[in-house]
N, C-alpha and C. Protein backbone atom coordinates (compact mmCIF):
# COMPACT_ATOMS: atom_id res chain seq x y z
N MET A 1 29.91 -2.04 -16.65
CA MET A 1 29.41 -0.93 -16.79
C MET A 1 29.54 -0.09 -15.23
N ALA A 2 29.63 1.09 -16.01
CA ALA A 2 29.51 2.39 -14.71
C ALA A 2 29.35 3.15 -14.96
N MET A 3 29.25 4.19 -13.60
CA MET A 3 29.00 5.85 -13.82
C MET A 3 29.95 6.25 -13.23
N ALA A 4 30.65 6.93 -13.86
CA ALA A 4 31.76 7.64 -13.59
C ALA A 4 31.57 9.10 -13.83
N SER A 5 32.05 9.44 -12.40
CA SER A 5 31.67 11.31 -12.61
C SER A 5 33.62 12.12 -13.26
N ILE A 6 33.19 13.23 -13.10
CA ILE A 6 34.03 13.79 -14.19
C ILE A 6 35.16 13.98 -13.08
N GLU A 7 34.89 13.81 -11.71
CA GLU A 7 36.12 14.14 -10.81
C GLU A 7 37.26 12.56 -10.81
N GLY A 8 36.51 11.61 -11.56
CA GLY A 8 37.07 10.08 -11.11
C GLY A 8 36.29 9.48 -10.51
N GLU A 9 35.64 9.44 -9.54
CA GLU A 9 34.66 8.65 -9.63
C GLU A 9 33.81 7.31 -10.07
N ARG A 10 34.13 6.48 -9.52
CA ARG A 10 32.86 5.08 -10.54
C ARG A 10 32.34 4.19 -9.32
N VAL A 11 31.14 4.34 -10.08
CA VAL A 11 29.92 3.40 -9.23
C VAL A 11 29.43 2.53 -10.12
N ALA A 12 29.88 1.16 -9.56
CA ALA A 12 29.74 -0.03 -10.70
C ALA A 12 28.34 -0.10 -10.79
N PHE A 13 27.20 -0.53 -11.88
CA PHE A 13 25.91 -0.64 -11.86
C PHE A 13 26.02 -2.62 -11.09
N GLY A 14 24.82 -2.65 -10.87
CA GLY A 14 24.68 -3.63 -9.71
C GLY A 14 23.96 -5.39 -10.79
N ARG A 15 23.73 -4.54 -12.14
CA ARG A 15 23.51 -5.96 -12.94
C ARG A 15 24.02 -5.11 -14.74
N THR A 16 24.53 -6.30 -15.15
CA THR A 16 25.03 -5.92 -16.90
C THR A 16 23.85 -5.19 -17.71
N LEU A 17 23.78 -4.02 -18.40
CA LEU A 17 23.40 -3.75 -19.12
C LEU A 17 23.74 -4.05 -20.81
N LYS A 18 22.67 -4.58 -21.76
CA LYS A 18 23.18 -4.84 -23.46
C LYS A 18 22.55 -3.99 -24.12
N ALA A 19 23.77 -2.58 -24.70
CA ALA A 19 23.19 -2.08 -25.92
C ALA A 19 22.29 -2.75 -26.81
N ARG A 20 21.28 -3.09 -26.32
CA ARG A 20 20.46 -3.43 -27.60
C ARG A 20 19.03 -2.83 -28.28
N GLY A 21 18.69 -3.26 -29.02
CA GLY A 21 17.10 -2.73 -29.29
C GLY A 21 17.39 -1.24 -29.49
N LEU A 22 16.43 -0.56 -29.52
CA LEU A 22 16.20 1.09 -29.79
C LEU A 22 16.72 1.60 -28.70
N VAL A 23 17.93 3.09 -29.20
CA VAL A 23 18.42 3.62 -28.17
C VAL A 23 17.42 3.79 -27.31
N GLU A 24 16.38 4.45 -27.55
CA GLU A 24 15.64 4.70 -26.34
C GLU A 24 14.75 4.33 -25.43
N SER A 25 14.97 2.99 -25.46
CA SER A 25 14.93 2.17 -24.22
C SER A 25 16.21 1.54 -23.79
N TRP A 26 17.40 1.17 -24.45
CA TRP A 26 18.58 0.95 -23.89
C TRP A 26 18.91 2.26 -23.12
N LEU A 27 18.48 3.18 -23.49
CA LEU A 27 19.12 4.61 -22.24
C LEU A 27 17.83 4.69 -21.48
N SER A 28 16.64 4.45 -21.65
CA SER A 28 15.76 4.10 -20.37
C SER A 28 15.89 2.72 -19.22
N SER A 29 16.26 1.59 -19.90
CA SER A 29 17.71 0.65 -18.70
C SER A 29 18.45 1.10 -17.94
N VAL A 30 18.90 1.86 -18.50
CA VAL A 30 20.26 2.45 -18.30
C VAL A 30 20.10 3.17 -16.69
N GLU A 31 18.83 4.67 -16.98
CA GLU A 31 18.51 5.85 -16.26
C GLU A 31 17.59 4.80 -14.78
N SER A 32 17.16 3.78 -14.82
CA SER A 32 16.38 2.72 -14.26
C SER A 32 17.56 2.18 -13.02
N ASN A 33 18.55 2.21 -14.02
CA ASN A 33 19.74 1.22 -13.13
C ASN A 33 20.32 1.98 -12.68
N MET A 34 20.58 2.95 -12.56
CA MET A 34 21.22 4.49 -11.83
C MET A 34 20.63 4.03 -11.11
N ARG A 35 19.84 4.66 -10.98
CA ARG A 35 18.37 4.96 -9.93
C ARG A 35 19.01 3.71 -8.64
N LEU A 36 18.47 2.65 -9.28
CA LEU A 36 18.42 1.56 -8.21
C LEU A 36 19.48 1.33 -7.47
N THR A 37 21.01 1.19 -8.68
CA THR A 37 22.22 1.53 -7.95
C THR A 37 22.25 2.27 -6.86
N LEU A 38 21.91 3.88 -7.10
CA LEU A 38 21.83 4.63 -6.26
C LEU A 38 21.27 4.50 -4.73
N LYS A 39 20.00 4.04 -5.53
CA LYS A 39 19.44 3.73 -3.78
C LYS A 39 19.41 3.31 -3.09
N GLY A 40 20.17 1.37 -3.85
CA GLY A 40 20.54 0.68 -2.73
C GLY A 40 22.03 0.92 -1.96
N LEU A 41 22.59 1.69 -2.48
CA LEU A 41 23.88 2.32 -2.18
C LEU A 41 23.71 3.13 -1.44
N ALA A 42 22.99 4.43 -1.58
CA ALA A 42 22.23 4.91 -0.18
C ALA A 42 22.22 4.73 0.94
N LYS A 43 21.18 2.95 1.10
CA LYS A 43 20.57 2.40 2.24
C LYS A 43 21.57 2.00 2.64
N LYS A 44 22.87 1.54 2.18
CA LYS A 44 23.77 0.71 2.32
C LYS A 44 24.56 2.08 3.48
N ALA A 45 24.63 2.86 2.65
CA ALA A 45 26.15 4.34 3.18
C ALA A 45 25.10 4.77 4.70
N LEU A 46 23.74 4.75 4.79
CA LEU A 46 23.10 5.18 5.97
C LEU A 46 23.07 4.41 7.02
N LYS A 47 22.93 2.48 7.04
CA LYS A 47 23.69 1.72 7.94
C LYS A 47 25.19 1.98 8.17
N GLU A 48 26.02 2.29 7.11
CA GLU A 48 27.53 2.51 7.95
C GLU A 48 27.52 3.54 8.18
N TYR A 49 26.95 4.75 8.20
CA TYR A 49 27.09 6.27 8.79
C TYR A 49 27.34 6.00 10.36
N THR A 50 26.77 5.36 11.02
CA THR A 50 26.61 5.31 12.74
C THR A 50 28.02 4.07 13.33
N ALA A 51 27.70 3.35 12.02
CA ALA A 51 29.01 2.28 12.65
C ALA A 51 30.08 1.92 11.95
N SER A 52 30.92 3.47 11.35
CA SER A 52 32.36 4.03 11.15
C SER A 52 32.66 5.15 11.46
N GLY A 53 33.74 5.33 12.01
CA GLY A 53 34.19 6.71 12.07
C GLY A 53 33.81 7.28 10.61
N ARG A 54 33.37 8.85 11.26
CA ARG A 54 32.84 9.86 10.07
C ARG A 54 34.33 9.84 8.97
N PRO A 55 35.32 10.59 8.61
CA PRO A 55 35.76 10.30 8.00
C PRO A 55 35.98 9.62 7.24
N GLY A 56 36.43 8.78 8.19
CA GLY A 56 37.03 7.29 7.02
C GLY A 56 35.58 6.96 5.93
N TRP A 57 34.31 6.89 6.76
CA TRP A 57 33.42 6.82 6.19
C TRP A 57 32.95 7.82 4.70
N VAL A 58 33.54 9.05 5.01
CA VAL A 58 33.15 9.97 4.32
C VAL A 58 33.95 10.02 2.67
N LEU A 59 35.03 9.13 3.38
CA LEU A 59 36.11 9.03 1.80
C LEU A 59 36.13 7.89 1.40
N ALA A 60 35.27 7.16 1.92
CA ALA A 60 34.72 5.39 0.77
C ALA A 60 33.66 5.84 -0.05
N GLN A 61 33.08 6.79 0.63
CA GLN A 61 31.29 6.98 -0.50
C GLN A 61 31.97 7.51 -1.13
N PRO A 62 30.96 7.68 -2.28
CA PRO A 62 31.35 8.65 -3.83
C PRO A 62 30.46 10.16 -2.70
N ALA A 63 30.99 11.21 -3.90
CA ALA A 63 30.95 12.07 -2.82
C ALA A 63 28.69 12.38 -3.09
N GLN A 64 28.61 11.62 -4.42
CA GLN A 64 27.04 11.69 -3.56
C GLN A 64 26.09 11.79 -3.26
N LEU A 65 26.17 10.12 -2.33
CA LEU A 65 26.06 9.40 -1.23
C LEU A 65 26.47 10.45 -0.22
N ALA A 66 27.49 10.56 0.28
CA ALA A 66 28.38 11.38 1.83
C ALA A 66 27.37 12.76 1.40
N ILE A 67 26.99 13.64 0.79
CA ILE A 67 26.50 14.49 0.68
C ILE A 67 24.82 14.05 1.44
N LEU A 68 24.47 13.07 -0.03
CA LEU A 68 23.11 13.11 0.79
C LEU A 68 23.45 12.30 2.03
N VAL A 69 24.04 11.33 2.69
CA VAL A 69 23.83 10.28 4.24
C VAL A 69 23.80 11.52 5.54
N SER A 70 24.90 12.61 4.93
CA SER A 70 25.59 13.45 6.18
C SER A 70 24.07 14.94 6.30
N ASN A 71 23.48 14.98 4.93
CA ASN A 71 22.54 15.89 4.85
C ASN A 71 21.43 15.72 5.49
N ILE A 72 21.08 14.12 5.73
CA ILE A 72 19.95 13.50 6.09
C ILE A 72 20.17 12.91 7.97
N TYR A 73 22.03 13.01 8.28
CA TYR A 73 21.82 13.10 9.66
C TYR A 73 22.25 14.29 10.00
N TRP A 74 22.75 15.26 9.80
CA TRP A 74 22.60 16.69 9.82
C TRP A 74 20.73 17.34 10.11
N CYS A 75 20.39 16.76 8.78
CA CYS A 75 19.10 18.20 9.19
C CYS A 75 18.08 16.84 10.95
N GLN A 76 18.63 15.77 11.18
CA GLN A 76 17.99 15.47 12.19
C GLN A 76 18.29 15.70 13.44
N GLU A 77 19.65 16.11 13.12
CA GLU A 77 19.92 16.90 14.06
C GLU A 77 19.64 18.13 14.91
N VAL A 78 19.53 19.02 13.38
CA VAL A 78 18.91 20.46 13.88
C VAL A 78 17.39 20.42 13.78
N GLU A 79 16.60 19.13 13.35
CA GLU A 79 15.43 19.20 13.76
C GLU A 79 15.93 18.67 15.82
N SER A 80 16.64 18.23 15.90
CA SER A 80 16.97 17.32 17.15
C SER A 80 16.73 18.58 18.39
N CYS A 81 18.17 19.54 17.56
CA CYS A 81 18.34 20.67 18.82
C CYS A 81 16.74 21.56 18.55
N LEU A 82 15.98 21.82 17.96
CA LEU A 82 14.92 22.71 17.64
C LEU A 82 13.96 22.34 18.25
N THR A 83 13.60 20.84 18.67
CA THR A 83 12.53 20.38 19.44
C THR A 83 13.15 20.14 21.12
N ALA A 84 14.35 20.05 21.41
CA ALA A 84 15.09 19.89 22.37
C ALA A 84 14.63 20.83 23.67
N ASP A 85 14.12 20.36 24.72
CA ASP A 85 13.14 21.21 26.07
C ASP A 85 14.35 22.20 26.67
N SER A 86 15.81 22.00 26.35
CA SER A 86 16.82 22.78 26.43
C SER A 86 16.56 24.33 25.43
N ASP A 87 17.76 25.19 25.35
CA ASP A 87 18.05 26.44 25.00
C ASP A 87 18.23 26.21 23.49
N ALA A 88 17.37 26.11 22.51
CA ALA A 88 17.61 25.47 21.37
C ALA A 88 19.19 26.49 20.69
N ASN A 89 19.01 27.70 21.15
CA ASN A 89 20.58 28.57 20.46
C ASN A 89 21.53 27.63 20.75
N THR A 90 21.69 27.29 21.64
CA THR A 90 23.26 26.41 23.03
C THR A 90 23.14 25.45 22.45
N GLN A 91 21.84 24.51 21.85
CA GLN A 91 21.81 23.34 21.08
C GLN A 91 22.35 23.28 20.10
N LEU A 92 22.01 24.63 19.18
CA LEU A 92 22.31 24.70 18.01
C LEU A 92 23.92 24.93 17.57
N GLN A 93 24.64 25.83 18.56
CA GLN A 93 25.74 26.18 19.11
C GLN A 93 27.05 25.05 18.77
N GLN A 94 25.85 24.21 19.85
CA GLN A 94 27.22 22.95 20.08
C GLN A 94 26.84 22.23 18.97
N LEU A 95 25.77 21.93 17.85
CA LEU A 95 25.64 21.32 16.94
C LEU A 95 26.87 22.12 15.55
N HIS A 96 26.81 23.05 15.31
CA HIS A 96 28.04 24.03 14.52
C HIS A 96 29.52 23.77 14.71
N ALA A 97 29.54 23.42 16.23
CA ALA A 97 30.70 23.50 16.78
C ALA A 97 31.05 21.66 16.54
N ARG A 98 30.86 20.85 16.52
CA ARG A 98 30.55 19.98 15.88
C ARG A 98 30.62 19.23 14.47
N CYS A 99 29.69 20.25 13.98
CA CYS A 99 30.20 20.17 12.45
C CYS A 99 31.57 20.83 12.10
N VAL A 100 31.90 21.57 12.34
CA VAL A 100 33.20 22.36 12.20
C VAL A 100 34.79 21.43 12.40
N MET A 101 34.12 20.76 13.75
CA MET A 101 35.24 19.64 14.22
C MET A 101 35.05 18.69 13.20
N GLN A 102 33.64 18.37 12.64
CA GLN A 102 34.39 17.02 11.95
C GLN A 102 34.45 17.19 10.35
N LEU A 103 34.13 18.55 10.04
CA LEU A 103 35.43 19.25 8.49
C LEU A 103 36.20 19.47 8.53
N GLU A 104 36.89 19.44 9.69
CA GLU A 104 38.48 19.78 9.98
C GLU A 104 39.16 18.35 10.30
N GLU A 105 38.62 17.13 10.51
CA GLU A 105 38.86 15.92 10.70
C GLU A 105 39.05 15.63 9.28
N LEU A 106 38.59 16.00 8.11
CA LEU A 106 38.85 15.69 6.86
C LEU A 106 40.22 15.93 6.24
């Protein structure tokens, strides 16, 4: 069993679920399994982000996870620019240029 998006992405569940018993109970189990699966994959994606090249990493991830992890790192980088001892405006302009370059690499 897996989650599938309209774009064709597919994320397999970590364990097998069986459609037995009350529908409400079974759907609750599906929802819990979806969350656990995405949480585990997000942790893995966070670790892999810095270990591999970004273009390949982005394309290897489900879109939801690529956006989540990219936003985490973007927020950290913006915070670093704003708290740096040097000129924050210059730091932010450099970050902007780096983000544009990363998008162009895709």
